[in-house]
């Protein structure tokens, strides 16, 4: 299915994250990617099954999306629809 336009987007959504996968593990997943600014795992008492990776520019986010999809099939990766609150 076609993806929504990535123009101007700098944040990736990572889905399918198990509860035991901490923010540190998500940061480790980003090791070697260009332009990572921030990594977040939302929590309300328990870890949710998703996280966000923010990049310095749209080009870095697009390149990272392609790299992560090749590198790790355990999770789903897509451009975040809106910037997560609290950033």
PDB file of N, CA and C in Angstrom:
ATOM      1  N   UNK A   1       0.836  -1.182   0.000  1.00  0.00           N
ATOM      2  CA  UNK A   1       0.000   0.000   0.000  1.00  0.00           C
ATOM      3  C   UNK A   1       0.880   1.244   0.000  1.00  0.00           C
ATOM      4  N   UNK A   2       0.459   2.301  -0.668  1.00  0.00           N
ATOM      5  CA  UNK A   2       1.269   3.511  -0.703  1.00  0.00           C
ATOM      6  C   UNK A   2       1.334   4.166   0.664  1.00  0.00           C
ATOM      7  N   UNK A   3       2.476   4.733   0.955  1.00  0.00           N
ATOM      8  CA  UNK A   3       2.667   5.445   2.216  1.00  0.00           C
ATOM      9  C   UNK A   3       2.296   6.901   2.045  1.00  0.00           C
ATOM     10  N   UNK A   4       1.882   7.549   3.147  1.00  0.00           N
ATOM     11  CA  UNK A   4       1.641   8.989   3.062  1.00  0.00           C
ATOM     12  C   UNK A   4       2.960   9.696   2.738  1.00  0.00           C
ATOM     13  N   UNK A   5       2.862  10.880   2.186  1.00  0.00           N
ATOM     14  CA  UNK A   5       4.050  11.649   1.819  1.00  0.00           C
ATOM     15  C   UNK A   5       4.937  11.859   3.043  1.00  0.00           C
ATOM     16  N   UNK A   6       6.237  11.739   2.833  1.00  0.00           N
ATOM     17  CA  UNK A   6       7.196  11.934   3.919  1.00  0.00           C
ATOM     18  C   UNK A   6       7.776  13.339   3.896  1.00  0.00           C
ATOM     19  N   UNK A   7       7.312  14.178   2.981  1.00  0.00           N
ATOM     20  CA  UNK A   7       7.861  15.526   2.830  1.00  0.00           C
ATOM     21  C   UNK A   7       7.829  16.282   4.150  1.00  0.00           C
ATOM     22  N   UNK A   8       8.982  16.735   4.584  1.00  0.00           N
ATOM     23  CA  UNK A   8       9.085  17.534   5.793  1.00  0.00           C
ATOM     24  C   UNK A   8       9.017  16.776   7.095  1.00  0.00           C
ATOM     25  N   UNK A   9       8.816  15.492   7.066  1.00  0.00           N
ATOM     26  CA  UNK A   9       8.688  14.722   8.310  1.00  0.00           C
ATOM     27  C   UNK A   9      10.062  14.314   8.826  1.00  0.00           C
ATOM     28  N   UNK A  10      10.232  14.433  10.142  1.00  0.00           N
ATOM     29  CA  UNK A  10      11.519  14.104  10.749  1.00  0.00           C
ATOM     30  C   UNK A  10      11.404  13.060  11.853  1.00  0.00           C
ATOM     31  N   UNK A  11      10.205  12.537  12.095  1.00  0.00           N
ATOM     32  CA  UNK A  11      10.005  11.570  13.176  1.00  0.00           C
ATOM     33  C   UNK A  11       9.478  10.250  12.625  1.00  0.00           C
ATOM     34  N   UNK A  12      10.113   9.157  13.042  1.00  0.00           N
ATOM     35  CA  UNK A  12       9.660   7.826  12.666  1.00  0.00           C
ATOM     36  C   UNK A  12       8.917   7.184  13.827  1.00  0.00           C
ATOM     37  N   UNK A  13       7.887   6.431  13.509  1.00  0.00           N
ATOM     38  CA  UNK A  13       7.138   5.628  14.465  1.00  0.00           C
ATOM     39  C   UNK A  13       7.674   4.202  14.359  1.00  0.00           C
ATOM     40  N   UNK A  14       7.968   3.585  15.492  1.00  0.00           N
ATOM     41  CA  UNK A  14       8.426   2.193  15.539  1.00  0.00           C
ATOM     42  C   UNK A  14       7.347   1.404  16.258  1.00  0.00           C
ATOM     43  N   UNK A  15       6.749   0.427  15.581  1.00  0.00           N
ATOM     44  CA  UNK A  15       5.674  -0.367  16.163  1.00  0.00           C
ATOM     45  C   UNK A  15       6.098  -1.797  16.420  1.00  0.00           C
ATOM     46  N   UNK A  16       5.308  -2.481  17.240  1.00  0.00           N
ATOM     47  CA  UNK A  16       5.564  -3.886  17.532  1.00  0.00           C
ATOM     48  C   UNK A  16       6.674  -4.118  18.542  1.00  0.00           C
ATOM     49  N   UNK A  17       6.918  -3.136  19.397  1.00  0.00           N
ATOM     50  CA  UNK A  17       7.989  -3.253  20.388  1.00  0.00           C
ATOM     51  C   UNK A  17       7.472  -4.012  21.607  1.00  0.00           C
ATOM     52  N   UNK A  18       8.153  -5.089  22.024  1.00  0.00           N
ATOM     53  CA  UNK A  18       7.703  -5.826  23.207  1.00  0.00           C
ATOM     54  C   UNK A  18       7.952  -5.024  24.492  1.00  0.00           C
ATOM     55  N   UNK A  19       7.203  -5.301  25.556  1.00  0.00           N
ATOM     56  CA  UNK A  19       7.337  -4.543  26.810  1.00  0.00           C
ATOM     57  C   UNK A  19       8.748  -4.553  27.392  1.00  0.00           C
ATOM     58  N   UNK A  20       9.474  -5.640  27.212  1.00  0.00           N
ATOM     59  CA  UNK A  20      10.819  -5.725  27.810  1.00  0.00           C
ATOM     60  C   UNK A  20      11.863  -4.914  27.044  1.00  0.00           C
ATOM     61  N   UNK A  21      11.508  -4.362  25.917  1.00  0.00           N
ATOM     62  CA  UNK A  21      12.420  -3.585  25.074  1.00  0.00           C
ATOM     63  C   UNK A  21      12.433  -2.149  25.597  1.00  0.00           C
ATOM     64  N   UNK A  22      13.503  -1.748  26.284  1.00  0.00           N
ATOM     65  CA  UNK A  22      13.598  -0.439  26.928  1.00  0.00           C
ATOM     66  C   UNK A  22      14.024   0.642  25.935  1.00  0.00           C
ATOM     67  N   UNK A  23      13.921   1.905  26.363  1.00  0.00           N
ATOM     68  CA  UNK A  23      14.351   3.027  25.523  1.00  0.00           C
ATOM     69  C   UNK A  23      15.816   2.872  25.129  1.00  0.00           C
ATOM     70  N   UNK A  24      16.637   2.343  26.044  1.00  0.00           N
ATOM     71  CA  UNK A  24      18.050   2.113  25.738  1.00  0.00           C
ATOM     72  C   UNK A  24      18.193   1.141  24.563  1.00  0.00           C
ATOM     73  N   UNK A  25      17.357   0.106  24.531  1.00  0.00           N
ATOM     74  CA  UNK A  25      17.399  -0.860  23.430  1.00  0.00           C
ATOM     75  C   UNK A  25      16.999  -0.194  22.111  1.00  0.00           C
ATOM     76  N   UNK A  26      16.041   0.719  22.180  1.00  0.00           N
ATOM     77  CA  UNK A  26      15.630   1.445  20.983  1.00  0.00           C
ATOM     78  C   UNK A  26      16.766   2.357  20.513  1.00  0.00           C
ATOM     79  N   UNK A  27      17.457   2.994  21.446  1.00  0.00           N
ATOM     80  CA  UNK A  27      18.631   3.812  21.084  1.00  0.00           C
ATOM     81  C   UNK A  27      19.704   2.943  20.448  1.00  0.00           C
ATOM     82  N   UNK A  28      19.914   1.744  20.988  1.00  0.00           N
ATOM     83  CA  UNK A  28      20.895   0.822  20.408  1.00  0.00           C
ATOM     84  C   UNK A  28      20.518   0.438  18.980  1.00  0.00           C
ATOM     85  N   UNK A  29      19.231   0.283  18.714  1.00  0.00           N
ATOM     86  CA  UNK A  29      18.747  -0.034  17.376  1.00  0.00           C
ATOM     87  C   UNK A  29      19.124   1.081  16.395  1.00  0.00           C
ATOM     88  N   UNK A  30      19.212   2.304  16.885  1.00  0.00           N
ATOM     89  CA  UNK A  30      19.526   3.471  16.048  1.00  0.00           C
ATOM     90  C   UNK A  30      21.021   3.686  15.854  1.00  0.00           C
ATOM     91  N   UNK A  31      21.818   2.902  16.528  1.00  0.00           N
ATOM     92  CA  UNK A  31      23.268   3.078  16.433  1.00  0.00           C
ATOM     93  C   UNK A  31      23.707   3.043  14.968  1.00  0.00           C
ATOM     94  N   UNK A  32      24.495   4.036  14.583  1.00  0.00           N
ATOM     95  CA  UNK A  32      25.016   4.103  13.228  1.00  0.00           C
ATOM     96  C   UNK A  32      24.130   4.847  12.244  1.00  0.00           C
ATOM     97  N   UNK A  33      22.938   5.249  12.685  1.00  0.00           N
ATOM     98  CA  UNK A  33      22.063   6.015  11.803  1.00  0.00           C
ATOM     99  C   UNK A  33      22.436   7.489  11.873  1.00  0.00           C
ATOM    100  N   UNK A  34      22.368   8.161  10.756  1.00  0.00           N
ATOM    101  CA  UNK A  34      22.716   9.566  10.648  1.00  0.00           C
ATOM    102  C   UNK A  34      21.577  10.459  11.139  1.00  0.00           C
ATOM    103  N   UNK A  35      21.917  11.470  11.934  1.00  0.00           N
ATOM    104  CA  UNK A  35      20.970  12.515  12.290  1.00  0.00           C
ATOM    105  C   UNK A  35      19.984  12.227  13.404  1.00  0.00           C
ATOM    106  N   UNK A  36      20.210  11.209  14.240  1.00  0.00           N
ATOM    107  CA  UNK A  36      19.286  10.916  15.343  1.00  0.00           C
ATOM    108  C   UNK A  36      19.382  12.038  16.380  1.00  0.00           C
ATOM    109  N   UNK A  37      18.222  12.622  16.718  1.00  0.00           N
ATOM    110  CA  UNK A  37      18.151  13.712  17.692  1.00  0.00           C
ATOM    111  C   UNK A  37      17.606  13.211  19.022  1.00  0.00           C
ATOM    112  N   UNK A  38      16.567  12.350  18.971  1.00  0.00           N
ATOM    113  CA  UNK A  38      15.934  11.877  20.199  1.00  0.00           C
ATOM    114  C   UNK A  38      15.249  10.540  19.948  1.00  0.00           C
ATOM    115  N   UNK A  39      15.139   9.741  21.018  1.00  0.00           N
ATOM    116  CA  UNK A  39      14.466   8.436  20.964  1.00  0.00           C
ATOM    117  C   UNK A  39      13.546   8.375  22.179  1.00  0.00           C
ATOM    118  N   UNK A  40      12.275   8.001  21.960  1.00  0.00           N
ATOM    119  CA  UNK A  40      11.303   7.962  23.059  1.00  0.00           C
ATOM    120  C   UNK A  40      10.476   6.687  23.030  1.00  0.00           C
ATOM    121  N   UNK A  41      10.151   6.186  24.225  1.00  0.00           N
ATOM    122  CA  UNK A  41       9.177   5.095  24.434  1.00  0.00           C
ATOM    123  C   UNK A  41       8.110   5.629  25.371  1.00  0.00           C
ATOM    124  N   UNK A  42       6.907   5.956  24.879  1.00  0.00           N
ATOM    125  CA  UNK A  42       5.845   6.440  25.771  1.00  0.00           C
ATOM    126  C   UNK A  42       5.504   5.406  26.849  1.00  0.00           C
ATOM    127  N   UNK A  43       5.219   5.897  28.056  1.00  0.00           N
ATOM    128  CA  UNK A  43       4.874   5.010  29.169  1.00  0.00           C
ATOM    129  C   UNK A  43       3.762   5.634  29.997  1.00  0.00           C
ATOM    130  N   UNK A  44       2.828   4.826  30.390  1.00  0.00           N
ATOM    131  CA  UNK A  44       1.803   5.197  31.364  1.00  0.00           C
ATOM    132  C   UNK A  44       1.750   4.055  32.366  1.00  0.00           C
ATOM    133  N   UNK A  45       2.777   3.930  33.160  1.00  0.00           N
ATOM    134  CA  UNK A  45       2.878   2.814  34.101  1.00  0.00           C
ATOM    135  C   UNK A  45       3.549   1.618  33.460  1.00  0.00           C
ATOM    136  N   UNK A  46       3.069   1.184  32.314  1.00  0.00           N
ATOM    137  CA  UNK A  46       3.670   0.061  31.586  1.00  0.00           C
ATOM    138  C   UNK A  46       4.133   0.561  30.222  1.00  0.00           C
ATOM    139  N   UNK A  47       5.146  -0.059  29.694  1.00  0.00           N
ATOM    140  CA  UNK A  47       5.626   0.328  28.367  1.00  0.00           C
ATOM    141  C   UNK A  47       4.608  -0.034  27.314  1.00  0.00           C
ATOM    142  N   UNK A  48       4.405   0.877  26.397  1.00  0.00           N
ATOM    143  CA  UNK A  48       3.513   0.633  25.269  1.00  0.00           C
ATOM    144  C   UNK A  48       4.293  -0.044  24.153  1.00  0.00           C
ATOM    145  N   UNK A  49       3.604  -0.529  23.151  1.00  0.00           N
ATOM    146  CA  UNK A  49       4.238  -1.300  22.089  1.00  0.00           C
ATOM    147  C   UNK A  49       4.776  -0.478  20.938  1.00  0.00           C
ATOM    148  N   UNK A  50       5.136   0.771  21.198  1.00  0.00           N
ATOM    149  CA  UNK A  50       5.673   1.602  20.130  1.00  0.00           C
ATOM    150  C   UNK A  50       6.637   2.634  20.698  1.00  0.00           C
ATOM    151  N   UNK A  51       7.349   3.299  19.803  1.00  0.00           N
ATOM    152  CA  UNK A  51       8.280   4.351  20.178  1.00  0.00           C
ATOM    153  C   UNK A  51       8.469   5.294  19.013  1.00  0.00           C
ATOM    154  N   UNK A  52       9.280   6.328  19.229  1.00  0.00           N
ATOM    155  CA  UNK A  52       9.529   7.326  18.207  1.00  0.00           C
ATOM    156  C   UNK A  52      11.013   7.628  18.126  1.00  0.00           C
ATOM    157  N   UNK A  53      11.478   7.880  16.914  1.00  0.00           N
ATOM    158  CA  UNK A  53      12.855   8.297  16.681  1.00  0.00           C
ATOM    159  C   UNK A  53      12.782   9.608  15.916  1.00  0.00           C
ATOM    160  N   UNK A  54      13.367  10.651  16.481  1.00  0.00           N
ATOM    161  CA  UNK A  54      13.359  11.955  15.823  1.00  0.00           C
ATOM    162  C   UNK A  54      14.717  12.194  15.183  1.00  0.00           C
ATOM    163  N   UNK A  55      14.692  12.759  13.967  1.00  0.00           N
ATOM    164  CA  UNK A  55      15.902  13.029  13.198  1.00  0.00           C
ATOM    165  C   UNK A  55      16.064  14.523  12.953  1.00  0.00           C
ATOM    166  N   UNK A  56      17.276  14.914  12.606  1.00  0.00           N
ATOM    167  CA  UNK A  56      17.597  16.326  12.419  1.00  0.00           C
ATOM    168  C   UNK A  56      16.982  16.922  11.161  1.00  0.00           C
ATOM    169  N   UNK A  57      16.661  16.093  10.177  1.00  0.00           N
ATOM    170  CA  UNK A  57      16.097  16.602   8.929  1.00  0.00           C
ATOM    171  C   UNK A  57      15.321  15.483   8.222  1.00  0.00           C
ATOM    172  N   UNK A  58      14.437  15.836   7.299  1.00  0.00           N
ATOM    173  CA  UNK A  58      13.655  14.823   6.583  1.00  0.00           C
ATOM    174  C   UNK A  58      14.516  13.814   5.815  1.00  0.00           C
ATOM    175  N   UNK A  59      15.625  14.255   5.267  1.00  0.00           N
ATOM    176  CA  UNK A  59      16.489  13.344   4.512  1.00  0.00           C
ATOM    177  C   UNK A  59      17.060  12.247   5.409  1.00  0.00           C
ATOM    178  N   UNK A  60      17.456  12.621   6.634  1.00  0.00           N
ATOM    179  CA  UNK A  60      17.987  11.638   7.581  1.00  0.00           C
ATOM    180  C   UNK A  60      16.909  10.638   7.970  1.00  0.00           C
ATOM    181  N   UNK A  61      15.681  11.121   8.187  1.00  0.00           N
ATOM    182  CA  UNK A  61      14.571  10.234   8.555  1.00  0.00           C
ATOM    183  C   UNK A  61      14.256   9.255   7.424  1.00  0.00           C
ATOM    184  N   UNK A  62      14.237   9.737   6.204  1.00  0.00           N
ATOM    185  CA  UNK A  62      13.937   8.877   5.050  1.00  0.00           C
ATOM    186  C   UNK A  62      15.007   7.805   4.876  1.00  0.00           C
ATOM    187  N   UNK A  63      16.269   8.206   4.995  1.00  0.00           N
ATOM    188  CA  UNK A  63      17.378   7.251   4.871  1.00  0.00           C
ATOM    189  C   UNK A  63      17.317   6.215   5.995  1.00  0.00           C
ATOM    190  N   UNK A  64      17.009   6.661   7.214  1.00  0.00           N
ATOM    191  CA  UNK A  64      16.928   5.751   8.360  1.00  0.00           C
ATOM    192  C   UNK A  64      15.776   4.764   8.187  1.00  0.00           C
ATOM    193  N   UNK A  65      14.639   5.235   7.683  1.00  0.00           N
ATOM    194  CA  UNK A  65      13.498   4.350   7.461  1.00  0.00           C
ATOM    195  C   UNK A  65      13.891   3.203   6.538  1.00  0.00           C
ATOM    196  N   UNK A  66      14.558   3.516   5.450  1.00  0.00           N
ATOM    197  CA  UNK A  66      14.984   2.486   4.504  1.00  0.00           C
ATOM    198  C   UNK A  66      15.983   1.522   5.145  1.00  0.00           C
ATOM    199  N   UNK A  67      16.917   2.065   5.908  1.00  0.00           N
ATOM    200  CA  UNK A  67      17.933   1.229   6.566  1.00  0.00           C
ATOM    201  C   UNK A  67      17.303   0.329   7.628  1.00  0.00           C
ATOM    202  N   UNK A  68      16.426   0.882   8.453  1.00  0.00           N
ATOM    203  CA  UNK A  68      15.798   0.092   9.512  1.00  0.00           C
ATOM    204  C   UNK A  68      14.913  -1.016   8.949  1.00  0.00           C
ATOM    205  N   UNK A  69      14.207  -0.737   7.868  1.00  0.00           N
ATOM    206  CA  UNK A  69      13.372  -1.772   7.251  1.00  0.00           C
ATOM    207  C   UNK A  69      14.222  -2.924   6.722  1.00  0.00           C
ATOM    208  N   UNK A  70      15.405  -2.619   6.226  1.00  0.00           N
ATOM    209  CA  UNK A  70      16.317  -3.682   5.760  1.00  0.00           C
ATOM    210  C   UNK A  70      16.953  -4.425   6.933  1.00  0.00           C
ATOM    211  N   UNK A  71      17.260  -3.685   7.988  1.00  0.00           N
ATOM    212  CA  UNK A  71      18.051  -4.215   9.084  1.00  0.00           C
ATOM    213  C   UNK A  71      17.258  -5.057  10.080  1.00  0.00           C
ATOM    214  N   UNK A  72      16.019  -4.704  10.366  1.00  0.00           N
ATOM    215  CA  UNK A  72      15.308  -5.340  11.479  1.00  0.00           C
ATOM    216  C   UNK A  72      13.833  -5.569  11.151  1.00  0.00           C
ATOM    217  N   UNK A  73      13.469  -6.816  10.909  1.00  0.00           N
ATOM    218  CA  UNK A  73      12.099  -7.171  10.538  1.00  0.00           C
ATOM    219  C   UNK A  73      11.205  -7.416  11.763  1.00  0.00           C
ATOM    220  N   UNK A  74      11.760  -7.319  12.976  1.00  0.00           N
ATOM    221  CA  UNK A  74      10.944  -7.548  14.178  1.00  0.00           C
ATOM    222  C   UNK A  74       9.912  -6.453  14.392  1.00  0.00           C
ATOM    223  N   UNK A  75      10.189  -5.267  13.881  1.00  0.00           N
ATOM    224  CA  UNK A  75       9.348  -4.108  14.151  1.00  0.00           C
ATOM    225  C   UNK A  75       8.805  -3.521  12.855  1.00  0.00           C
ATOM    226  N   UNK A  76       7.788  -2.679  12.985  1.00  0.00           N
ATOM    227  CA  UNK A  76       7.287  -1.928  11.831  1.00  0.00           C
ATOM    228  C   UNK A  76       7.787  -0.488  11.954  1.00  0.00           C
ATOM    229  N   UNK A  77       8.147   0.090  10.839  1.00  0.00           N
ATOM    230  CA  UNK A  77       8.681   1.453  10.805  1.00  0.00           C
ATOM    231  C   UNK A  77       7.861   2.278   9.824  1.00  0.00           C
ATOM    232  N   UNK A  78       7.517   3.496  10.211  1.00  0.00           N
ATOM    233  CA  UNK A  78       6.793   4.401   9.323  1.00  0.00           C
ATOM    234  C   UNK A  78       7.024   5.835   9.801  1.00  0.00           C
ATOM    235  N   UNK A  79       6.670   6.791   8.955  1.00  0.00           N
ATOM    236  CA  UNK A  79       6.743   8.183   9.381  1.00  0.00           C
ATOM    237  C   UNK A  79       5.611   8.447  10.360  1.00  0.00           C
ATOM    238  N   UNK A  80       5.925   9.123  11.455  1.00  0.00           N
ATOM    239  CA  UNK A  80       4.903   9.472  12.450  1.00  0.00           C
ATOM    240  C   UNK A  80       3.932  10.460  11.824  1.00  0.00           C
ATOM    241  N   UNK A  81       2.664  10.328  12.137  1.00  0.00           N
ATOM    242  CA  UNK A  81       1.651  11.228  11.566  1.00  0.00           C
ATOM    243  C   UNK A  81       1.794  12.643  12.084  1.00  0.00           C
ATOM    244  N   UNK A  82       2.047  12.781  13.372  1.00  0.00           N
ATOM    245  CA  UNK A  82       2.270  14.093  13.969  1.00  0.00           C
ATOM    246  C   UNK A  82       3.402  13.951  14.964  1.00  0.00           C
ATOM    247  N   UNK A  83       4.003  15.047  15.343  1.00  0.00           N
ATOM    248  CA  UNK A  83       5.068  15.002  16.334  1.00  0.00           C
ATOM    249  C   UNK A  83       4.463  14.638  17.690  1.00  0.00           C
ATOM    250  N   UNK A  84       5.027  13.626  18.369  1.00  0.00           N
ATOM    251  CA  UNK A  84       4.486  13.213  19.666  1.00  0.00           C
ATOM    252  C   UNK A  84       4.490  14.364  20.677  1.00  0.00           C
ATOM    253  N   UNK A  85       3.479  14.438  21.527  1.00  0.00           N
ATOM    254  CA  UNK A  85       3.418  15.489  22.531  1.00  0.00           C
ATOM    255  C   UNK A  85       4.562  15.345  23.511  1.00  0.00           C
ATOM    256  N   UNK A  86       5.016  16.464  24.035  1.00  0.00           N
ATOM    257  CA  UNK A  86       6.092  16.448  25.003  1.00  0.00           C
ATOM    258  C   UNK A  86       7.470  16.545  24.386  1.00  0.00           C
ATOM    259  N   UNK A  87       7.563  16.700  23.050  1.00  0.00           N
ATOM    260  CA  UNK A  87       8.880  16.824  22.423  1.00  0.00           C
ATOM    261  C   UNK A  87       9.231  18.252  22.275  1.00  0.00           C
TER     262      UNK A  87
END
